[in-house]
Protein backbone atom coordinates (compact mmCIF):
# COMPACT_ATOMS: atom_id res chain seq x y z
CA MET A 1 18.68 -21.84 -47.03
CA LEU A 2 20.41 -18.39 -47.30
CA ALA A 3 24.14 -20.57 -48.45
CA ALA A 4 22.35 -22.40 -51.23
CA GLY A 5 20.92 -19.10 -52.09
CA THR A 6 17.01 -20.03 -52.09
CA LEU A 7 16.87 -16.95 -49.72
CA ALA A 8 18.31 -13.41 -49.97
CA PRO A 9 17.53 -10.89 -47.82
CA GLU A 10 15.79 -7.71 -49.16
CA ILE A 11 17.67 -4.57 -48.63
CA GLU A 12 15.78 -1.38 -48.63
CA ARG A 13 18.91 1.35 -47.72
CA VAL A 14 21.73 1.47 -46.21
CA HIS A 15 22.48 4.67 -44.38
CA PRO A 16 25.25 5.98 -42.16
CA LEU A 17 25.81 5.87 -37.84
CA ALA A 18 24.97 9.54 -38.35
CA GLU A 19 21.40 9.50 -39.68
CA VAL A 20 19.53 6.33 -37.44
CA PRO A 21 17.60 9.16 -36.42
CA ALA A 22 16.66 9.86 -39.89
CA ALA A 23 16.41 6.04 -41.07
CA LEU A 24 14.16 5.48 -38.14
CA GLU A 25 11.63 7.83 -39.16
CA TYR A 26 11.44 6.55 -42.63
CA LEU A 27 11.17 3.15 -40.84
CA GLY A 28 8.62 4.29 -38.93
CA THR A 29 5.54 5.82 -41.37
CA GLY A 30 5.56 2.31 -42.16
CA HIS A 31 6.67 2.86 -46.10
CA ALA A 32 9.72 0.37 -45.69
CA ARG A 33 9.23 -2.48 -47.80
CA GLY A 34 12.98 -3.78 -47.43
CA LYS A 35 15.64 -3.90 -44.33
CA LEU A 36 17.37 -1.20 -43.39
CA VAL A 37 20.80 -1.49 -42.59
CA VAL A 38 22.83 0.95 -40.34
CA SER A 39 26.83 0.80 -41.28
CA VAL A 40 29.36 1.37 -39.11
């Protein structure tokens, strides 16, 4: 479905590796509607 374009992931935020604690804190608040991505 992803290859066909009928399914698209919703990426809400991209965080650098150094900001993982802040990303996890945000995720724990329950306000995240999409996926959080950690860039390396």
